[in-house]
């Protein structure tokens, strides 16, 4: 199913929480709304499901205007951040809830519950358990199974991994991508976690202050950010100060900013040479992260474990012209 938002604005009193959002979400894609807390990404998602009222614009599903449809008429599944499972019901009854509202036969409900439990790799013996007896990861699987059971046209997930520990988040991240590939359905995912967005998504919409800053593939968002906000929000990046820009003889348009990713700074050779002094050293297992001071610029440098420098040491680093990211305006220009 193809989803489109056309000039969507959502206001609460005089406050515009979402402003003039236009985007088309490709069919059978994994599409992520990425942004910091309070950016408006969950508000956009809730407008898609019908839980938030659209003040201006349209939400379309396969060309049909569903802006004013109630949630139950949209055939959209949603997994909430806290899962919103029914604690007094068994796992089986949680999954069957939407099917019973559809007034399916007992046999049809039983078959579908077992089918989606298998899809999300939920053991059959867990169907009779109480929700409180399940781990966080298992509860997430139940929430996804419940959303999938009524055969929704698309699935929305609102920060579903945020309450899990780091190792489990990574494991279930892979599981979500497996499900999307298996089911070949459109998934819209909300997160503030950049690594989740980059690893899961076919496309990402970066949200800031109720607006869409950029829409593109993870590679395009990371390698060619359209705004200073996107450049600073996605991954680690070094902003080159005016003195360093002048020293390197970089030519920039007025108000433009130049950046370089830490992974593009090397100790070998390149088009540009920078001399700096080590200010901080962090060891993270597979290497070191150094903070260097070069004129008016603090640079983050990532090295292999054997490249060890002490605080105060002089270090020369290199980078290539093609790796410089140039965007117009400063980080706060779009706020």
C-alpha atoms as a PDB file:
ATOM      1  CA  UNK A   1       0.000   0.000   0.000  1.00  0.00           C
ATOM      2  CA  UNK A   2       1.272   3.479  -0.893  1.00  0.00           C
ATOM      3  CA  UNK A   3       1.013   6.148   1.774  1.00  0.00           C
ATOM      4  CA  UNK A   4       1.321   9.868   1.119  1.00  0.00           C
ATOM      5  CA  UNK A   5       1.141  12.977   3.289  1.00  0.00           C
ATOM      6  CA  UNK A   6       0.373  16.203   1.458  1.00  0.00           C
ATOM      7  CA  UNK A   7       1.097  19.509   3.235  1.00  0.00           C
ATOM      8  CA  UNK A   8       0.096  18.080   6.633  1.00  0.00           C
ATOM      9  CA  UNK A   9       0.015  20.535   9.531  1.00  0.00           C
ATOM     10  CA  UNK A  10      -1.045  19.683  13.096  1.00  0.00           C
ATOM     11  CA  UNK A  11      -1.701  22.431  15.614  1.00  0.00           C
ATOM     12  CA  UNK A  12      -2.548  22.470  19.312  1.00  0.00           C
ATOM     13  CA  UNK A  13      -3.985  25.877  20.056  1.00  0.00           C
ATOM     14  CA  UNK A  14      -1.454  28.331  18.661  1.00  0.00           C
ATOM     15  CA  UNK A  15       1.392  25.782  18.632  1.00  0.00           C
ATOM     16  CA  UNK A  16       2.193  24.063  15.334  1.00  0.00           C
ATOM     17  CA  UNK A  17       3.567  20.633  16.301  1.00  0.00           C
ATOM     18  CA  UNK A  18       3.897  19.547  12.659  1.00  0.00           C
ATOM     19  CA  UNK A  19       4.332  22.005   9.805  1.00  0.00           C
ATOM     20  CA  UNK A  20       3.668  21.433   6.087  1.00  0.00           C
ATOM     21  CA  UNK A  21       4.870  17.822   5.942  1.00  0.00           C
ATOM     22  CA  UNK A  22       4.799  16.301   2.473  1.00  0.00           C
ATOM     23  CA  UNK A  23       6.197  12.844   1.782  1.00  0.00           C
ATOM     24  CA  UNK A  24       5.444   9.717  -0.238  1.00  0.00           C
ATOM     25  CA  UNK A  25       6.291   6.346   1.308  1.00  0.00           C
ATOM     26  CA  UNK A  26       7.097   3.666  -1.263  1.00  0.00           C
ATOM     27  CA  UNK A  27       5.136   0.421  -1.190  1.00  0.00           C
ATOM     28  CA  UNK A  28       6.797  -2.520   0.635  1.00  0.00           C
ATOM     29  CA  UNK A  29       9.538  -0.274   2.030  1.00  0.00           C
ATOM     30  CA  UNK A  30      10.969   0.165   5.517  1.00  0.00           C
ATOM     31  CA  UNK A  31      10.532   3.894   6.089  1.00  0.00           C
ATOM     32  CA  UNK A  32      11.860   5.600   9.228  1.00  0.00           C
ATOM     33  CA  UNK A  33      10.891   8.896  10.857  1.00  0.00           C
ATOM     34  CA  UNK A  34      14.092   9.907  12.653  1.00  0.00           C
ATOM     35  CA  UNK A  35      14.529  12.863  14.963  1.00  0.00           C
ATOM     36  CA  UNK A  36      15.298  14.001  18.507  1.00  0.00           C
ATOM     37  CA  UNK A  37      12.730  13.898  21.313  1.00  0.00           C
ATOM     38  CA  UNK A  38       9.990  16.458  20.750  1.00  0.00           C
ATOM     39  CA  UNK A  39      10.726  16.841  17.038  1.00  0.00           C
ATOM     40  CA  UNK A  40       7.212  15.806  15.958  1.00  0.00           C
ATOM     41  CA  UNK A  41       7.952  12.340  14.548  1.00  0.00           C
ATOM     42  CA  UNK A  42       5.454  10.499  16.779  1.00  0.00           C
ATOM     43  CA  UNK A  43       2.866  13.210  16.118  1.00  0.00           C
ATOM     44  CA  UNK A  44       3.220  12.520  12.392  1.00  0.00           C
ATOM     45  CA  UNK A  45       2.828   8.793  12.986  1.00  0.00           C
ATOM     46  CA  UNK A  46      -0.290   9.289  15.103  1.00  0.00           C
ATOM     47  CA  UNK A  47      -1.780  11.424  12.313  1.00  0.00           C
ATOM     48  CA  UNK A  48      -1.246   8.501   9.936  1.00  0.00           C
ATOM     49  CA  UNK A  49      -3.103   6.141  12.282  1.00  0.00           C
ATOM     50  CA  UNK A  50      -5.901   8.610  13.003  1.00  0.00           C
ATOM     51  CA  UNK A  51      -5.075   9.217  16.661  1.00  0.00           C
ATOM     52  CA  UNK A  52      -4.138  12.857  15.958  1.00  0.00           C
ATOM     53  CA  UNK A  53      -6.359  15.321  14.101  1.00  0.00           C
ATOM     54  CA  UNK A  54      -4.861  16.885  10.981  1.00  0.00           C
ATOM     55  CA  UNK A  55      -5.392  20.653  10.954  1.00  0.00           C
ATOM     56  CA  UNK A  56      -4.408  21.118   7.315  1.00  0.00           C
ATOM     57  CA  UNK A  57      -3.490  18.846   4.414  1.00  0.00           C
ATOM     58  CA  UNK A  58      -4.262  15.237   3.564  1.00  0.00           C
ATOM     59  CA  UNK A  59      -3.251  11.693   4.444  1.00  0.00           C
ATOM     60  CA  UNK A  60      -3.747   9.349   1.482  1.00  0.00           C
ATOM     61  CA  UNK A  61      -3.587   5.557   1.331  1.00  0.00           C
ATOM     62  CA  UNK A  62      -3.422   4.150  -2.195  1.00  0.00           C
ATOM     63  CA  UNK A  63      -4.811   7.433  -3.492  1.00  0.00           C
ATOM     64  CA  UNK A  64      -7.777   7.491  -1.104  1.00  0.00           C
ATOM     65  CA  UNK A  65      -8.109  10.426   1.269  1.00  0.00           C
ATOM     66  CA  UNK A  66      -8.230   8.873   4.778  1.00  0.00           C
ATOM     67  CA  UNK A  67      -7.525  12.110   6.673  1.00  0.00           C
ATOM     68  CA  UNK A  68     -10.808  11.987   8.579  1.00  0.00           C
ATOM     69  CA  UNK A  69     -11.235   8.211   8.822  1.00  0.00           C
ATOM     70  CA  UNK A  70     -11.347   6.880  12.401  1.00  0.00           C
ATOM     71  CA  UNK A  71      -8.403   4.622  13.341  1.00  0.00           C
ATOM     72  CA  UNK A  72     -10.426   1.406  13.087  1.00  0.00           C
ATOM     73  CA  UNK A  73     -11.340   2.167   9.448  1.00  0.00           C
ATOM     74  CA  UNK A  74      -7.758   2.629   8.230  1.00  0.00           C
ATOM     75  CA  UNK A  75      -6.542  -1.012   8.323  1.00  0.00           C
ATOM     76  CA  UNK A  76      -3.254   0.116   9.848  1.00  0.00           C
ATOM     77  CA  UNK A  77      -1.422  -1.846  12.531  1.00  0.00           C
ATOM     78  CA  UNK A  78       0.503  -0.045  15.262  1.00  0.00           C
ATOM     79  CA  UNK A  79       2.998  -1.138  17.910  1.00  0.00           C
ATOM     80  CA  UNK A  80       3.338   1.392  20.736  1.00  0.00           C
ATOM     81  CA  UNK A  81       6.499   2.244  22.644  1.00  0.00           C
ATOM     82  CA  UNK A  82       5.186   0.542  25.804  1.00  0.00           C
ATOM     83  CA  UNK A  83       3.522  -2.241  23.719  1.00  0.00           C
ATOM     84  CA  UNK A  84       0.076  -1.481  25.315  1.00  0.00           C
ATOM     85  CA  UNK A  85      -0.594  -5.171  25.949  1.00  0.00           C
ATOM     86  CA  UNK A  86      -3.532  -6.265  28.095  1.00  0.00           C
ATOM     87  CA  UNK A  87      -1.908  -7.478  31.353  1.00  0.00           C
ATOM     88  CA  UNK A  88      -4.953  -9.505  32.490  1.00  0.00           C
ATOM     89  CA  UNK A  89      -5.127 -11.502  29.249  1.00  0.00           C
ATOM     90  CA  UNK A  90      -3.101 -14.478  28.124  1.00  0.00           C
ATOM     91  CA  UNK A  91      -0.704 -14.065  25.204  1.00  0.00           C
ATOM     92  CA  UNK A  92      -3.212 -15.902  22.985  1.00  0.00           C
ATOM     93  CA  UNK A  93      -6.030 -13.502  23.876  1.00  0.00           C
ATOM     94  CA  UNK A  94      -3.844 -10.452  23.308  1.00  0.00           C
ATOM     95  CA  UNK A  95      -3.043 -11.619  19.776  1.00  0.00           C
ATOM     96  CA  UNK A  96      -6.658 -12.622  19.115  1.00  0.00           C
ATOM     97  CA  UNK A  97      -8.122  -9.304  20.315  1.00  0.00           C
ATOM     98  CA  UNK A  98      -8.377  -7.591  16.910  1.00  0.00           C
ATOM     99  CA  UNK A  99      -9.595 -10.788  15.232  1.00  0.00           C
ATOM    100  CA  UNK A 100     -12.488 -11.066  17.667  1.00  0.00           C
ATOM    101  CA  UNK A 101     -13.477  -7.478  16.885  1.00  0.00           C
ATOM    102  CA  UNK A 102     -13.651  -8.577  13.251  1.00  0.00           C
ATOM    103  CA  UNK A 103     -16.109 -11.297  14.387  1.00  0.00           C
ATOM    104  CA  UNK A 104     -14.153 -14.137  12.792  1.00  0.00           C
ATOM    105  CA  UNK A 105     -14.973 -17.741  13.614  1.00  0.00           C
ATOM    106  CA  UNK A 106     -13.200 -19.447  16.477  1.00  0.00           C
ATOM    107  CA  UNK A 107     -11.406 -21.719  14.037  1.00  0.00           C
ATOM    108  CA  UNK A 108     -10.223 -18.792  11.880  1.00  0.00           C
ATOM    109  CA  UNK A 109      -9.009 -16.911  14.951  1.00  0.00           C
ATOM    110  CA  UNK A 110      -7.124 -19.936  16.243  1.00  0.00           C
ATOM    111  CA  UNK A 111      -5.422 -20.524  12.898  1.00  0.00           C
ATOM    112  CA  UNK A 112      -4.413 -16.871  12.508  1.00  0.00           C
ATOM    113  CA  UNK A 113      -3.087 -16.549  16.083  1.00  0.00           C
ATOM    114  CA  UNK A 114      -0.860 -19.590  15.588  1.00  0.00           C
ATOM    115  CA  UNK A 115       0.233 -18.336  12.164  1.00  0.00           C
ATOM    116  CA  UNK A 116       1.393 -14.909  13.348  1.00  0.00           C
ATOM    117  CA  UNK A 117       2.982 -16.417  16.476  1.00  0.00           C
ATOM    118  CA  UNK A 118       5.103 -18.539  14.159  1.00  0.00           C
ATOM    119  CA  UNK A 119       5.931 -15.547  11.953  1.00  0.00           C
ATOM    120  CA  UNK A 120       7.320 -13.577  14.908  1.00  0.00           C
ATOM    121  CA  UNK A 121       9.020 -16.733  16.253  1.00  0.00           C
ATOM    122  CA  UNK A 122       6.970 -16.860  19.438  1.00  0.00           C
ATOM    123  CA  UNK A 123       7.064 -20.409  20.903  1.00  0.00           C
ATOM    124  CA  UNK A 124       3.671 -22.132  20.850  1.00  0.00           C
ATOM    125  CA  UNK A 125       3.855 -22.940  24.573  1.00  0.00           C
ATOM    126  CA  UNK A 126       4.024 -19.200  25.354  1.00  0.00           C
ATOM    127  CA  UNK A 127       0.511 -18.592  23.983  1.00  0.00           C
ATOM    128  CA  UNK A 128      -1.025 -19.773  27.263  1.00  0.00           C
ATOM    129  CA  UNK A 129       1.244 -17.628  29.436  1.00  0.00           C
ATOM    130  CA  UNK A 130       0.340 -14.398  31.184  1.00  0.00           C
ATOM    131  CA  UNK A 131       1.956 -11.235  29.803  1.00  0.00           C
ATOM    132  CA  UNK A 132       3.776 -10.672  33.111  1.00  0.00           C
ATOM    133  CA  UNK A 133       5.592 -13.993  32.650  1.00  0.00           C
ATOM    134  CA  UNK A 134       7.292 -12.817  29.453  1.00  0.00           C
ATOM    135  CA  UNK A 135      10.586 -11.012  28.950  1.00  0.00           C
ATOM    136  CA  UNK A 136      10.717  -7.605  27.289  1.00  0.00           C
ATOM    137  CA  UNK A 137      11.739  -9.153  23.979  1.00  0.00           C
ATOM    138  CA  UNK A 138       8.882 -11.666  24.096  1.00  0.00           C
ATOM    139  CA  UNK A 139       6.387  -8.919  24.938  1.00  0.00           C
ATOM    140  CA  UNK A 140       7.550  -7.012  21.897  1.00  0.00           C
ATOM    141  CA  UNK A 141       6.937 -10.081  19.733  1.00  0.00           C
ATOM    142  CA  UNK A 142       3.406 -10.364  21.176  1.00  0.00           C
ATOM    143  CA  UNK A 143       2.731  -6.688  20.378  1.00  0.00           C
ATOM    144  CA  UNK A 144       3.909  -7.151  16.782  1.00  0.00           C
ATOM    145  CA  UNK A 145       1.895 -10.382  16.416  1.00  0.00           C
ATOM    146  CA  UNK A 146      -1.246  -8.625  17.697  1.00  0.00           C
ATOM    147  CA  UNK A 147      -0.749  -5.833  15.158  1.00  0.00           C
ATOM    148  CA  UNK A 148      -0.153  -8.279  12.298  1.00  0.00           C
ATOM    149  CA  UNK A 149      -3.064 -10.579  13.117  1.00  0.00           C
ATOM    150  CA  UNK A 150      -5.842  -8.524  11.391  1.00  0.00           C
ATOM    151  CA  UNK A 151      -3.759  -8.329   8.145  1.00  0.00           C
ATOM    152  CA  UNK A 152      -3.142  -4.562   8.191  1.00  0.00           C
ATOM    153  CA  UNK A 153      -2.258  -2.714   4.992  1.00  0.00           C
ATOM    154  CA  UNK A 154       0.849  -1.303   6.697  1.00  0.00           C
ATOM    155  CA  UNK A 155       2.538  -1.513  10.085  1.00  0.00           C
ATOM    156  CA  UNK A 156       3.650   1.429  12.243  1.00  0.00           C
ATOM    157  CA  UNK A 157       6.126   1.032  15.092  1.00  0.00           C
ATOM    158  CA  UNK A 158       6.684   3.849  17.599  1.00  0.00           C
ATOM    159  CA  UNK A 159      10.127   3.437  19.237  1.00  0.00           C
ATOM    160  CA  UNK A 160       9.448  -0.274  19.911  1.00  0.00           C
ATOM    161  CA  UNK A 161      13.007  -1.071  21.031  1.00  0.00           C
ATOM    162  CA  UNK A 162      13.622   1.846  23.387  1.00  0.00           C
ATOM    163  CA  UNK A 163      12.740  -0.093  26.570  1.00  0.00           C
ATOM    164  CA  UNK A 164      15.117  -2.992  25.838  1.00  0.00           C
ATOM    165  CA  UNK A 165      18.781  -3.444  26.730  1.00  0.00           C
ATOM    166  CA  UNK A 166      21.431  -2.796  24.079  1.00  0.00           C
ATOM    167  CA  UNK A 167      22.165  -6.425  23.138  1.00  0.00           C
ATOM    168  CA  UNK A 168      18.467  -7.292  22.793  1.00  0.00           C
ATOM    169  CA  UNK A 169      17.839  -4.157  20.735  1.00  0.00           C
ATOM    170  CA  UNK A 170      20.412  -5.275  18.175  1.00  0.00           C
ATOM    171  CA  UNK A 171      18.953  -8.800  18.011  1.00  0.00           C
ATOM    172  CA  UNK A 172      15.374  -7.573  17.584  1.00  0.00           C
ATOM    173  CA  UNK A 173      16.483  -4.975  15.053  1.00  0.00           C
ATOM    174  CA  UNK A 174      17.567  -7.838  12.818  1.00  0.00           C
ATOM    175  CA  UNK A 175      14.273  -9.577  13.546  1.00  0.00           C
ATOM    176  CA  UNK A 176      12.240  -6.566  12.403  1.00  0.00           C
ATOM    177  CA  UNK A 177      14.108  -6.448   9.103  1.00  0.00           C
ATOM    178  CA  UNK A 178      13.581 -10.201   8.655  1.00  0.00           C
ATOM    179  CA  UNK A 179       9.847  -9.734   9.199  1.00  0.00           C
ATOM    180  CA  UNK A 180       9.646  -6.909   6.694  1.00  0.00           C
ATOM    181  CA  UNK A 181      11.457  -8.950   4.050  1.00  0.00           C
ATOM    182  CA  UNK A 182       9.290 -11.984   4.798  1.00  0.00           C
ATOM    183  CA  UNK A 183       5.937 -10.186   4.780  1.00  0.00           C
ATOM    184  CA  UNK A 184       6.776  -7.711   1.996  1.00  0.00           C
ATOM    185  CA  UNK A 185       4.718  -5.018   3.672  1.00  0.00           C
ATOM    186  CA  UNK A 186       5.241  -1.321   4.259  1.00  0.00           C
ATOM    187  CA  UNK A 187       6.653  -0.544   7.701  1.00  0.00           C
ATOM    188  CA  UNK A 188       6.869   2.964   9.133  1.00  0.00           C
ATOM    189  CA  UNK A 189       9.234   3.178  12.069  1.00  0.00           C
ATOM    190  CA  UNK A 190       9.748   6.016  14.555  1.00  0.00           C
ATOM    191  CA  UNK A 191      13.049   6.344  16.417  1.00  0.00           C
ATOM    192  CA  UNK A 192      15.571   8.814  17.783  1.00  0.00           C
ATOM    193  CA  UNK A 193      18.332   6.180  17.410  1.00  0.00           C
ATOM    194  CA  UNK A 194      20.487   6.909  14.375  1.00  0.00           C
ATOM    195  CA  UNK A 195      22.044   3.441  14.215  1.00  0.00           C
ATOM    196  CA  UNK A 196      18.580   1.848  14.138  1.00  0.00           C
ATOM    197  CA  UNK A 197      17.521   4.149  11.318  1.00  0.00           C
ATOM    198  CA  UNK A 198      20.670   3.618   9.266  1.00  0.00           C
ATOM    199  CA  UNK A 199      20.689  -0.182   9.564  1.00  0.00           C
ATOM    200  CA  UNK A 200      16.946  -0.848   9.162  1.00  0.00           C
ATOM    201  CA  UNK A 201      15.687   1.660   6.636  1.00  0.00           C
ATOM    202  CA  UNK A 202      15.177   1.780   2.905  1.00  0.00           C
ATOM    203  CA  UNK A 203      14.432   5.475   3.326  1.00  0.00           C
ATOM    204  CA  UNK A 204      14.693   7.950   6.208  1.00  0.00           C
ATOM    205  CA  UNK A 205      12.852  11.201   6.857  1.00  0.00           C
ATOM    206  CA  UNK A 206      14.790  13.382   9.299  1.00  0.00           C
ATOM    207  CA  UNK A 207      12.354  15.381  11.440  1.00  0.00           C
ATOM    208  CA  UNK A 208      13.237  18.548  13.336  1.00  0.00           C
ATOM    209  CA  UNK A 209      10.932  21.071  14.997  1.00  0.00           C
ATOM    210  CA  UNK A 210       7.874  19.656  13.227  1.00  0.00           C
ATOM    211  CA  UNK A 211       9.420  19.863   9.761  1.00  0.00           C
ATOM    212  CA  UNK A 212      11.060  17.385   7.404  1.00  0.00           C
ATOM    213  CA  UNK A 213      14.712  18.342   6.979  1.00  0.00           C
ATOM    214  CA  UNK A 214      15.584  15.669   4.420  1.00  0.00           C
ATOM    215  CA  UNK A 215      14.235  12.434   2.943  1.00  0.00           C
ATOM    216  CA  UNK A 216      16.566   9.907   1.353  1.00  0.00           C
ATOM    217  CA  UNK A 217      18.333   6.593   1.580  1.00  0.00           C
ATOM    218  CA  UNK A 218      20.522   5.991   4.648  1.00  0.00           C
ATOM    219  CA  UNK A 219      23.582   6.447   2.435  1.00  0.00           C
ATOM    220  CA  UNK A 220      22.351   9.785   1.069  1.00  0.00           C
ATOM    221  CA  UNK A 221      21.346  11.069   4.507  1.00  0.00           C
ATOM    222  CA  UNK A 222      24.742  10.186   5.966  1.00  0.00           C
ATOM    223  CA  UNK A 223      27.027  11.077   3.063  1.00  0.00           C
ATOM    224  CA  UNK A 224      25.249  14.116   1.607  1.00  0.00           C
ATOM    225  CA  UNK A 225      23.227  15.837   4.355  1.00  0.00           C
ATOM    226  CA  UNK A 226      21.008  18.591   2.998  1.00  0.00           C
ATOM    227  CA  UNK A 227      21.153  20.823   6.083  1.00  0.00           C
ATOM    228  CA  UNK A 228      23.471  21.566   8.973  1.00  0.00           C
ATOM    229  CA  UNK A 229      20.970  19.947  11.339  1.00  0.00           C
ATOM    230  CA  UNK A 230      21.092  16.655   9.441  1.00  0.00           C
ATOM    231  CA  UNK A 231      24.893  16.771   9.255  1.00  0.00           C
ATOM    232  CA  UNK A 232      25.183  17.241  13.015  1.00  0.00           C
ATOM    233  CA  UNK A 233      22.400  14.850  14.005  1.00  0.00           C
ATOM    234  CA  UNK A 234      23.379  11.835  11.903  1.00  0.00           C
ATOM    235  CA  UNK A 235      26.553  10.168  13.164  1.00  0.00           C
ATOM    236  CA  UNK A 236      29.755  11.807  14.387  1.00  0.00           C
ATOM    237  CA  UNK A 237      31.044  14.734  12.370  1.00  0.00           C
ATOM    238  CA  UNK A 238      33.672  17.460  12.712  1.00  0.00           C
ATOM    239  CA  UNK A 239      32.706  21.032  11.917  1.00  0.00           C
ATOM    240  CA  UNK A 240      35.695  22.945  10.537  1.00  0.00           C
ATOM    241  CA  UNK A 241      36.102  26.345  12.182  1.00  0.00           C
ATOM    242  CA  UNK A 242      36.701  29.569  10.210  1.00  0.00           C
ATOM    243  CA  UNK A 243      40.433  29.717  11.025  1.00  0.00           C
ATOM    244  CA  UNK A 244      40.987  26.148   9.881  1.00  0.00           C
ATOM    245  CA  UNK A 245      38.915  26.713   6.723  1.00  0.00           C
ATOM    246  CA  UNK A 246      41.063  29.754   5.906  1.00  0.00           C
ATOM    247  CA  UNK A 247      44.269  27.880   6.712  1.00  0.00           C
ATOM    248  CA  UNK A 248      43.275  25.071   4.339  1.00  0.00           C
ATOM    249  CA  UNK A 249      42.294  27.580   1.637  1.00  0.00           C
ATOM    250  CA  UNK A 250      38.804  26.062   1.335  1.00  0.00           C
ATOM    251  CA  UNK A 251      36.416  28.235  -0.673  1.00  0.00           C
ATOM    252  CA  UNK A 252      32.909  28.366   0.813  1.00  0.00           C
ATOM    253  CA  UNK A 253      29.795  30.306  -0.091  1.00  0.00           C
ATOM    254  CA  UNK A 254      28.556  32.866   2.464  1.00  0.00           C
ATOM    255  CA  UNK A 255      26.971  31.177   5.517  1.00  0.00           C
ATOM    256  CA  UNK A 256      28.113  27.736   4.331  1.00  0.00           C
ATOM    257  CA  UNK A 257      29.690  25.303   6.783  1.00  0.00           C
ATOM    258  CA  UNK A 258      32.323  22.644   6.087  1.00  0.00           C
ATOM    259  CA  UNK A 259      32.411  19.264   7.861  1.00  0.00           C
ATOM    260  CA  UNK A 260      34.505  16.095   7.798  1.00  0.00           C
ATOM    261  CA  UNK A 261      33.522  12.695   9.209  1.00  0.00           C
ATOM    262  CA  UNK A 262      35.980  11.138  11.717  1.00  0.00           C
ATOM    263  CA  UNK A 263      36.399   8.043   9.530  1.00  0.00           C
ATOM    264  CA  UNK A 264      37.706  10.243   6.703  1.00  0.00           C
ATOM    265  CA  UNK A 265      40.606  11.555   8.790  1.00  0.00           C
ATOM    266  CA  UNK A 266      43.669   9.348   8.324  1.00  0.00           C
ATOM    267  CA  UNK A 267      47.268   9.187   9.512  1.00  0.00           C
ATOM    268  CA  UNK A 268      48.555   8.367   6.017  1.00  0.00           C
ATOM    269  CA  UNK A 269      48.053  10.866   3.209  1.00  0.00           C
ATOM    270  CA  UNK A 270      45.426  13.059   1.570  1.00  0.00           C
ATOM    271  CA  UNK A 271      44.687  16.311  -0.221  1.00  0.00           C
ATOM    272  CA  UNK A 272      44.747  18.323   3.019  1.00  0.00           C
ATOM    273  CA  UNK A 273      47.047  18.201   6.039  1.00  0.00           C
ATOM    274  CA  UNK A 274      46.071  19.252   9.565  1.00  0.00           C
ATOM    275  CA  UNK A 275      48.363  19.427  12.589  1.00  0.00           C
ATOM    276  CA  UNK A 276      46.730  19.153  15.977  1.00  0.00           C
ATOM    277  CA  UNK A 277      47.351  18.414  19.639  1.00  0.00           C
ATOM    278  CA  UNK A 278      45.663  15.542  21.499  1.00  0.00           C
ATOM    279  CA  UNK A 279      43.190  16.848  24.092  1.00  0.00           C
ATOM    280  CA  UNK A 280      41.302  13.632  25.008  1.00  0.00           C
ATOM    281  CA  UNK A 281      41.784   9.891  24.537  1.00  0.00           C
ATOM    282  CA  UNK A 282      39.009   7.253  24.684  1.00  0.00           C
ATOM    283  CA  UNK A 283      39.568   3.517  24.281  1.00  0.00           C
ATOM    284  CA  UNK A 284      36.564   1.554  22.926  1.00  0.00           C
ATOM    285  CA  UNK A 285      37.965  -1.923  22.305  1.00  0.00           C
ATOM    286  CA  UNK A 286      38.598  -1.990  18.558  1.00  0.00           C
ATOM    287  CA  UNK A 287      40.558   1.260  18.632  1.00  0.00           C
ATOM    288  CA  UNK A 288      40.949   4.742  20.081  1.00  0.00           C
ATOM    289  CA  UNK A 289      38.913   7.894  19.732  1.00  0.00           C
ATOM    290  CA  UNK A 290      41.013  11.049  19.979  1.00  0.00           C
ATOM    291  CA  UNK A 291      39.936  14.657  20.334  1.00  0.00           C
ATOM    292  CA  UNK A 292      42.466  16.945  18.639  1.00  0.00           C
ATOM    293  CA  UNK A 293      42.694  20.720  18.778  1.00  0.00           C
ATOM    294  CA  UNK A 294      43.723  22.258  15.453  1.00  0.00           C
ATOM    295  CA  UNK A 295      43.568  26.067  15.476  1.00  0.00           C
ATOM    296  CA  UNK A 296      39.894  26.872  16.287  1.00  0.00           C
ATOM    297  CA  UNK A 297      38.595  23.357  15.614  1.00  0.00           C
ATOM    298  CA  UNK A 298      38.149  20.262  17.754  1.00  0.00           C
ATOM    299  CA  UNK A 299      38.487  17.152  15.608  1.00  0.00           C
ATOM    300  CA  UNK A 300      37.457  13.591  16.450  1.00  0.00           C
ATOM    301  CA  UNK A 301      39.868  10.996  15.063  1.00  0.00           C
ATOM    302  CA  UNK A 302      39.323   7.206  15.111  1.00  0.00           C
ATOM    303  CA  UNK A 303      42.428   4.993  14.989  1.00  0.00           C
ATOM    304  CA  UNK A 304      43.374   1.321  15.209  1.00  0.00           C
ATOM    305  CA  UNK A 305      44.529  -0.020  18.627  1.00  0.00           C
ATOM    306  CA  UNK A 306      48.210   0.170  17.693  1.00  0.00           C
ATOM    307  CA  UNK A 307      48.058   3.925  17.034  1.00  0.00           C
ATOM    308  CA  UNK A 308      48.500   5.200  20.572  1.00  0.00           C
ATOM    309  CA  UNK A 309      49.073   8.872  21.386  1.00  0.00           C
ATOM    310  CA  UNK A 310      49.284  10.551  24.769  1.00  0.00           C
ATOM    311  CA  UNK A 311      47.431  13.694  25.779  1.00  0.00           C
ATOM    312  CA  UNK A 312      49.493  16.672  24.604  1.00  0.00           C
ATOM    313  CA  UNK A 313      51.075  14.773  21.696  1.00  0.00           C
ATOM    314  CA  UNK A 314      51.285  16.452  18.293  1.00  0.00           C
ATOM    315  CA  UNK A 315      49.449  14.534  15.569  1.00  0.00           C
ATOM    316  CA  UNK A 316      49.245  15.160  11.819  1.00  0.00           C
ATOM    317  CA  UNK A 317      46.100  13.970  10.048  1.00  0.00           C
ATOM    318  CA  UNK A 318      45.016  14.016   6.415  1.00  0.00           C
ATOM    319  CA  UNK A 319      41.773  14.015   4.443  1.00  0.00           C
ATOM    320  CA  UNK A 320      40.652  14.286   0.829  1.00  0.00           C
ATOM    321  CA  UNK A 321      38.739  17.123  -0.795  1.00  0.00           C
ATOM    322  CA  UNK A 322      35.957  14.791  -1.915  1.00  0.00           C
ATOM    323  CA  UNK A 323      35.200  13.833   1.691  1.00  0.00           C
ATOM    324  CA  UNK A 324      34.423  17.407   2.791  1.00  0.00           C
ATOM    325  CA  UNK A 325      30.687  17.930   3.437  1.00  0.00           C
ATOM    326  CA  UNK A 326      29.491  21.477   2.741  1.00  0.00           C
ATOM    327  CA  UNK A 327      25.998  22.639   3.734  1.00  0.00           C
ATOM    328  CA  UNK A 328      24.353  26.049   3.819  1.00  0.00           C
ATOM    329  CA  UNK A 329      23.618  27.820   7.109  1.00  0.00           C
ATOM    330  CA  UNK A 330      24.348  26.840  10.677  1.00  0.00           C
ATOM    331  CA  UNK A 331      22.913  24.035  12.808  1.00  0.00           C
ATOM    332  CA  UNK A 332      20.135  26.243  14.194  1.00  0.00           C
ATOM    333  CA  UNK A 333      19.091  27.704  10.863  1.00  0.00           C
ATOM    334  CA  UNK A 334      16.066  25.448  10.514  1.00  0.00           C
ATOM    335  CA  UNK A 335      14.844  25.706  14.086  1.00  0.00           C
END
